[in-house]
């Protein structure tokens, strides 16, 4: 009697590829995204990739859209739900200091900003976030010009912190120190 073993092939969806791509972007940058290593990591053939995406740039674009949507959802859930603009800004600074892959992705994208697609995404997300901050400062009572300047300062501190955290490669592990820093920044930047 001949017995055959049925092997179920792993079935991936676009989300699996996007998440694996975002992991590569977070730690190595956009230029490190390559189909064959991703397929090996996911335990599938390159053919699985072409079932969902037409090429590497299509995958990167899809992954960045996913990151942007997921990041926006977190901001909406943890920051924008606050009615009080001071609490909203404080929540922004606390969220900024949380260790997350989203922050790693953003910091890495800043280094990859010469890439046309990355530059477009960075510009859009930066303008969106500056608008959130500016609106909160206006609601506190700042004039339009003051709110714009304060939002730029607050966002510059955020980007600087991400750059520093990425440069130190995880040496900022003391959660209390990071939270204390976020509260200090919030105290300095919220009148």
C-alpha atoms as a PDB file:
ATOM      1  CA  UNK A   1       0.000   0.000   0.000  1.00  0.00           C
ATOM      2  CA  UNK A   2       1.321   3.341  -1.051  1.00  0.00           C
ATOM      3  CA  UNK A   3       0.820   6.089   1.472  1.00  0.00           C
ATOM      4  CA  UNK A   4       1.305   9.718   0.624  1.00  0.00           C
ATOM      5  CA  UNK A   5       1.788  12.446   3.114  1.00  0.00           C
ATOM      6  CA  UNK A   6      -0.250  15.512   2.478  1.00  0.00           C
ATOM      7  CA  UNK A   7       1.746  18.657   3.080  1.00  0.00           C
ATOM      8  CA  UNK A   8      -0.293  21.774   3.473  1.00  0.00           C
ATOM      9  CA  UNK A   9       1.430  24.711   1.871  1.00  0.00           C
ATOM     10  CA  UNK A  10       1.659  27.894   3.880  1.00  0.00           C
ATOM     11  CA  UNK A  11      -0.800  30.473   2.626  1.00  0.00           C
ATOM     12  CA  UNK A  12       0.121  34.099   3.075  1.00  0.00           C
ATOM     13  CA  UNK A  13      -1.891  37.219   2.550  1.00  0.00           C
ATOM     14  CA  UNK A  14      -0.629  40.710   1.640  1.00  0.00           C
ATOM     15  CA  UNK A  15      -0.611  41.658   5.317  1.00  0.00           C
ATOM     16  CA  UNK A  16       2.037  39.019   6.076  1.00  0.00           C
ATOM     17  CA  UNK A  17       4.302  40.460   3.403  1.00  0.00           C
ATOM     18  CA  UNK A  18       3.651  44.045   4.562  1.00  0.00           C
ATOM     19  CA  UNK A  19       4.493  43.257   8.188  1.00  0.00           C
ATOM     20  CA  UNK A  20       7.693  41.444   7.228  1.00  0.00           C
ATOM     21  CA  UNK A  21       8.635  44.381   4.995  1.00  0.00           C
ATOM     22  CA  UNK A  22       7.991  46.897   7.782  1.00  0.00           C
ATOM     23  CA  UNK A  23      10.249  44.879  10.062  1.00  0.00           C
ATOM     24  CA  UNK A  24      13.048  45.096   7.489  1.00  0.00           C
ATOM     25  CA  UNK A  25      12.447  48.834   7.010  1.00  0.00           C
ATOM     26  CA  UNK A  26      12.480  49.447  10.776  1.00  0.00           C
ATOM     27  CA  UNK A  27      15.852  47.784  11.272  1.00  0.00           C
ATOM     28  CA  UNK A  28      17.659  48.071   7.938  1.00  0.00           C
ATOM     29  CA  UNK A  29      15.916  50.650   5.754  1.00  0.00           C
ATOM     30  CA  UNK A  30      14.006  50.631   2.489  1.00  0.00           C
ATOM     31  CA  UNK A  31      17.009  49.630   0.386  1.00  0.00           C
ATOM     32  CA  UNK A  32      17.290  46.365   2.342  1.00  0.00           C
ATOM     33  CA  UNK A  33      13.821  45.214   1.258  1.00  0.00           C
ATOM     34  CA  UNK A  34      14.321  42.267  -1.109  1.00  0.00           C
ATOM     35  CA  UNK A  35      11.817  39.626  -2.207  1.00  0.00           C
ATOM     36  CA  UNK A  36      13.947  36.480  -1.890  1.00  0.00           C
ATOM     37  CA  UNK A  37      15.066  37.055   1.735  1.00  0.00           C
ATOM     38  CA  UNK A  38      11.493  37.993   2.698  1.00  0.00           C
ATOM     39  CA  UNK A  39      10.158  34.825   1.069  1.00  0.00           C
ATOM     40  CA  UNK A  40      12.735  32.727   2.964  1.00  0.00           C
ATOM     41  CA  UNK A  41      11.840  34.443   6.234  1.00  0.00           C
ATOM     42  CA  UNK A  42       8.151  33.808   5.598  1.00  0.00           C
ATOM     43  CA  UNK A  43       8.799  30.214   4.546  1.00  0.00           C
ATOM     44  CA  UNK A  44       7.371  30.534   1.051  1.00  0.00           C
ATOM     45  CA  UNK A  45       8.547  30.807  -2.534  1.00  0.00           C
ATOM     46  CA  UNK A  46       8.853  34.019  -4.522  1.00  0.00           C
ATOM     47  CA  UNK A  47       5.728  32.937  -6.389  1.00  0.00           C
ATOM     48  CA  UNK A  48       3.688  33.710  -3.292  1.00  0.00           C
ATOM     49  CA  UNK A  49       4.907  37.285  -3.477  1.00  0.00           C
ATOM     50  CA  UNK A  50       3.803  37.727  -7.095  1.00  0.00           C
ATOM     51  CA  UNK A  51       0.340  36.469  -6.223  1.00  0.00           C
ATOM     52  CA  UNK A  52      -0.154  39.655  -4.151  1.00  0.00           C
ATOM     53  CA  UNK A  53       2.230  42.274  -5.535  1.00  0.00           C
ATOM     54  CA  UNK A  54       3.476  43.187  -8.980  1.00  0.00           C
ATOM     55  CA  UNK A  55       6.990  44.221  -7.893  1.00  0.00           C
ATOM     56  CA  UNK A  56       9.176  45.320  -4.990  1.00  0.00           C
ATOM     57  CA  UNK A  57       8.021  48.952  -5.155  1.00  0.00           C
ATOM     58  CA  UNK A  58       4.388  47.835  -5.033  1.00  0.00           C
ATOM     59  CA  UNK A  59       5.185  45.937  -1.813  1.00  0.00           C
ATOM     60  CA  UNK A  60       7.039  48.877  -0.262  1.00  0.00           C
ATOM     61  CA  UNK A  61       4.206  51.249  -1.161  1.00  0.00           C
ATOM     62  CA  UNK A  62       1.639  48.883   0.332  1.00  0.00           C
ATOM     63  CA  UNK A  63       3.708  48.369   3.494  1.00  0.00           C
ATOM     64  CA  UNK A  64       4.166  52.116   3.996  1.00  0.00           C
ATOM     65  CA  UNK A  65       0.422  52.695   3.548  1.00  0.00           C
ATOM     66  CA  UNK A  66      -0.236  50.050   6.164  1.00  0.00           C
ATOM     67  CA  UNK A  67       2.286  51.637   8.548  1.00  0.00           C
ATOM     68  CA  UNK A  68       0.766  55.053   8.008  1.00  0.00           C
ATOM     69  CA  UNK A  69      -2.791  53.815   8.597  1.00  0.00           C
ATOM     70  CA  UNK A  70      -1.800  51.820  11.685  1.00  0.00           C
ATOM     71  CA  UNK A  71       0.164  54.774  13.062  1.00  0.00           C
ATOM     72  CA  UNK A  72      -2.739  57.150  12.429  1.00  0.00           C
ATOM     73  CA  UNK A  73      -5.098  54.754  14.232  1.00  0.00           C
ATOM     74  CA  UNK A  74      -2.819  54.726  17.306  1.00  0.00           C
ATOM     75  CA  UNK A  75      -2.646  58.531  17.340  1.00  0.00           C
ATOM     76  CA  UNK A  76      -6.419  58.767  17.009  1.00  0.00           C
ATOM     77  CA  UNK A  77      -6.943  56.215  19.790  1.00  0.00           C
ATOM     78  CA  UNK A  78      -4.381  57.530  22.285  1.00  0.00           C
ATOM     79  CA  UNK A  79      -4.127  61.253  21.503  1.00  0.00           C
ATOM     80  CA  UNK A  80      -6.879  62.750  19.396  1.00  0.00           C
ATOM     81  CA  UNK A  81      -9.679  61.363  21.559  1.00  0.00           C
ATOM     82  CA  UNK A  82      -8.716  63.791  24.318  1.00  0.00           C
ATOM     83  CA  UNK A  83     -10.961  66.846  24.463  1.00  0.00           C
ATOM     84  CA  UNK A  84      -8.599  68.907  26.615  1.00  0.00           C
ATOM     85  CA  UNK A  85      -5.820  70.248  24.320  1.00  0.00           C
ATOM     86  CA  UNK A  86      -3.216  70.221  27.110  1.00  0.00           C
ATOM     87  CA  UNK A  87      -3.956  66.576  27.895  1.00  0.00           C
ATOM     88  CA  UNK A  88      -3.900  65.838  24.160  1.00  0.00           C
ATOM     89  CA  UNK A  89      -0.420  67.375  23.854  1.00  0.00           C
ATOM     90  CA  UNK A  90       0.790  65.544  26.947  1.00  0.00           C
ATOM     91  CA  UNK A  91      -0.539  62.288  25.472  1.00  0.00           C
ATOM     92  CA  UNK A  92       1.352  63.096  22.251  1.00  0.00           C
ATOM     93  CA  UNK A  93       4.640  63.497  24.134  1.00  0.00           C
ATOM     94  CA  UNK A  94       4.064  60.317  26.145  1.00  0.00           C
ATOM     95  CA  UNK A  95       3.221  58.374  22.978  1.00  0.00           C
ATOM     96  CA  UNK A  96       6.335  59.788  21.310  1.00  0.00           C
ATOM     97  CA  UNK A  97       8.514  58.298  24.030  1.00  0.00           C
ATOM     98  CA  UNK A  98       6.951  54.819  23.933  1.00  0.00           C
ATOM     99  CA  UNK A  99       9.209  52.216  22.374  1.00  0.00           C
ATOM    100  CA  UNK A 100       7.478  51.015  19.250  1.00  0.00           C
ATOM    101  CA  UNK A 101       8.278  49.687  15.838  1.00  0.00           C
ATOM    102  CA  UNK A 102       6.409  52.638  14.360  1.00  0.00           C
ATOM    103  CA  UNK A 103       8.982  55.038  15.804  1.00  0.00           C
ATOM    104  CA  UNK A 104      11.820  52.869  14.468  1.00  0.00           C
ATOM    105  CA  UNK A 105      10.229  52.888  11.032  1.00  0.00           C
ATOM    106  CA  UNK A 106       9.827  56.665  11.088  1.00  0.00           C
ATOM    107  CA  UNK A 107      13.435  57.236  12.211  1.00  0.00           C
ATOM    108  CA  UNK A 108      14.732  54.880   9.527  1.00  0.00           C
ATOM    109  CA  UNK A 109      12.578  56.527   6.876  1.00  0.00           C
ATOM    110  CA  UNK A 110      14.145  59.871   7.797  1.00  0.00           C
ATOM    111  CA  UNK A 111      17.498  58.382   6.825  1.00  0.00           C
ATOM    112  CA  UNK A 112      15.961  57.037   3.576  1.00  0.00           C
ATOM    113  CA  UNK A 113      14.275  60.323   2.616  1.00  0.00           C
ATOM    114  CA  UNK A 114      16.182  60.549  -0.692  1.00  0.00           C
ATOM    115  CA  UNK A 115      13.953  57.703  -1.896  1.00  0.00           C
ATOM    116  CA  UNK A 116      11.090  59.340  -3.848  1.00  0.00           C
ATOM    117  CA  UNK A 117       8.289  57.261  -2.308  1.00  0.00           C
ATOM    118  CA  UNK A 118       9.690  57.689   1.205  1.00  0.00           C
ATOM    119  CA  UNK A 119      10.037  61.456   0.753  1.00  0.00           C
ATOM    120  CA  UNK A 120       6.377  61.678  -0.280  1.00  0.00           C
ATOM    121  CA  UNK A 121       5.153  59.629   2.695  1.00  0.00           C
ATOM    122  CA  UNK A 122       7.355  61.547   5.144  1.00  0.00           C
ATOM    123  CA  UNK A 123       6.088  64.883   3.876  1.00  0.00           C
ATOM    124  CA  UNK A 124       2.453  63.815   4.142  1.00  0.00           C
ATOM    125  CA  UNK A 125       2.759  62.334   7.627  1.00  0.00           C
ATOM    126  CA  UNK A 126       4.817  65.262   8.920  1.00  0.00           C
ATOM    127  CA  UNK A 127       2.260  67.802   7.694  1.00  0.00           C
ATOM    128  CA  UNK A 128      -0.560  65.728   9.186  1.00  0.00           C
ATOM    129  CA  UNK A 129       1.156  65.518  12.575  1.00  0.00           C
ATOM    130  CA  UNK A 130       2.113  69.197  12.572  1.00  0.00           C
ATOM    131  CA  UNK A 131      -1.545  70.003  11.938  1.00  0.00           C
ATOM    132  CA  UNK A 132      -2.577  67.910  14.976  1.00  0.00           C
ATOM    133  CA  UNK A 133      -0.077  69.749  17.148  1.00  0.00           C
ATOM    134  CA  UNK A 134      -0.870  73.182  15.744  1.00  0.00           C
ATOM    135  CA  UNK A 135      -4.598  72.676  16.324  1.00  0.00           C
ATOM    136  CA  UNK A 136      -3.964  71.718  19.949  1.00  0.00           C
ATOM    137  CA  UNK A 137      -1.807  74.786  20.532  1.00  0.00           C
ATOM    138  CA  UNK A 138      -4.477  77.003  18.953  1.00  0.00           C
ATOM    139  CA  UNK A 139      -7.081  75.486  21.275  1.00  0.00           C
ATOM    140  CA  UNK A 140      -4.881  76.348  24.270  1.00  0.00           C
ATOM    141  CA  UNK A 141      -4.976  79.969  23.173  1.00  0.00           C
ATOM    142  CA  UNK A 142      -1.939  80.479  20.971  1.00  0.00           C
ATOM    143  CA  UNK A 143      -2.307  82.717  17.905  1.00  0.00           C
ATOM    144  CA  UNK A 144      -2.035  80.967  14.535  1.00  0.00           C
ATOM    145  CA  UNK A 145       1.590  82.117  14.142  1.00  0.00           C
ATOM    146  CA  UNK A 146       2.531  81.063  17.692  1.00  0.00           C
ATOM    147  CA  UNK A 147       0.757  77.706  17.320  1.00  0.00           C
ATOM    148  CA  UNK A 148       2.648  77.025  14.096  1.00  0.00           C
ATOM    149  CA  UNK A 149       6.017  77.840  15.695  1.00  0.00           C
ATOM    150  CA  UNK A 150       5.251  75.827  18.825  1.00  0.00           C
ATOM    151  CA  UNK A 151       4.114  72.838  16.728  1.00  0.00           C
ATOM    152  CA  UNK A 152       7.363  73.008  14.730  1.00  0.00           C
ATOM    153  CA  UNK A 153       9.387  73.119  17.942  1.00  0.00           C
ATOM    154  CA  UNK A 154       7.469  70.214  19.491  1.00  0.00           C
ATOM    155  CA  UNK A 155       7.816  68.111  16.344  1.00  0.00           C
ATOM    156  CA  UNK A 156      11.521  68.920  16.064  1.00  0.00           C
ATOM    157  CA  UNK A 157      12.005  67.646  19.611  1.00  0.00           C
ATOM    158  CA  UNK A 158      10.148  64.440  18.661  1.00  0.00           C
ATOM    159  CA  UNK A 159      12.279  63.866  15.553  1.00  0.00           C
ATOM    160  CA  UNK A 160      15.456  64.645  17.505  1.00  0.00           C
ATOM    161  CA  UNK A 161      14.487  62.180  20.211  1.00  0.00           C
ATOM    162  CA  UNK A 162      13.833  59.449  17.618  1.00  0.00           C
ATOM    163  CA  UNK A 163      17.194  60.116  16.000  1.00  0.00           C
ATOM    164  CA  UNK A 164      18.949  59.948  19.367  1.00  0.00           C
ATOM    165  CA  UNK A 165      17.121  56.756  20.380  1.00  0.00           C
ATOM    166  CA  UNK A 166      17.974  55.097  17.045  1.00  0.00           C
ATOM    167  CA  UNK A 167      21.602  56.215  17.297  1.00  0.00           C
ATOM    168  CA  UNK A 168      21.935  54.752  20.788  1.00  0.00           C
ATOM    169  CA  UNK A 169      20.586  51.395  19.481  1.00  0.00           C
ATOM    170  CA  UNK A 170      18.263  50.595  22.349  1.00  0.00           C
ATOM    171  CA  UNK A 171      20.446  51.912  25.165  1.00  0.00           C
ATOM    172  CA  UNK A 172      17.496  53.960  26.431  1.00  0.00           C
ATOM    173  CA  UNK A 173      15.909  50.958  28.107  1.00  0.00           C
ATOM    174  CA  UNK A 174      15.109  52.594  31.443  1.00  0.00           C
ATOM    175  CA  UNK A 175      11.372  53.125  31.009  1.00  0.00           C
ATOM    176  CA  UNK A 176      11.111  55.484  33.964  1.00  0.00           C
ATOM    177  CA  UNK A 177      13.831  57.759  32.589  1.00  0.00           C
ATOM    178  CA  UNK A 178      12.125  57.867  29.197  1.00  0.00           C
ATOM    179  CA  UNK A 179       8.739  58.639  30.783  1.00  0.00           C
ATOM    180  CA  UNK A 180      10.322  61.320  32.973  1.00  0.00           C
ATOM    181  CA  UNK A 181      11.883  62.835  29.860  1.00  0.00           C
ATOM    182  CA  UNK A 182       8.535  62.856  28.034  1.00  0.00           C
ATOM    183  CA  UNK A 183       6.864  64.568  30.992  1.00  0.00           C
ATOM    184  CA  UNK A 184       9.697  67.097  31.193  1.00  0.00           C
ATOM    185  CA  UNK A 185       9.368  67.896  27.489  1.00  0.00           C
ATOM    186  CA  UNK A 186       5.609  68.217  27.844  1.00  0.00           C
ATOM    187  CA  UNK A 187       6.067  70.646  30.772  1.00  0.00           C
ATOM    188  CA  UNK A 188       8.479  72.719  28.700  1.00  0.00           C
ATOM    189  CA  UNK A 189       6.367  72.797  25.546  1.00  0.00           C
ATOM    190  CA  UNK A 190       2.866  73.188  26.991  1.00  0.00           C
ATOM    191  CA  UNK A 191       2.200  76.595  28.502  1.00  0.00           C
END
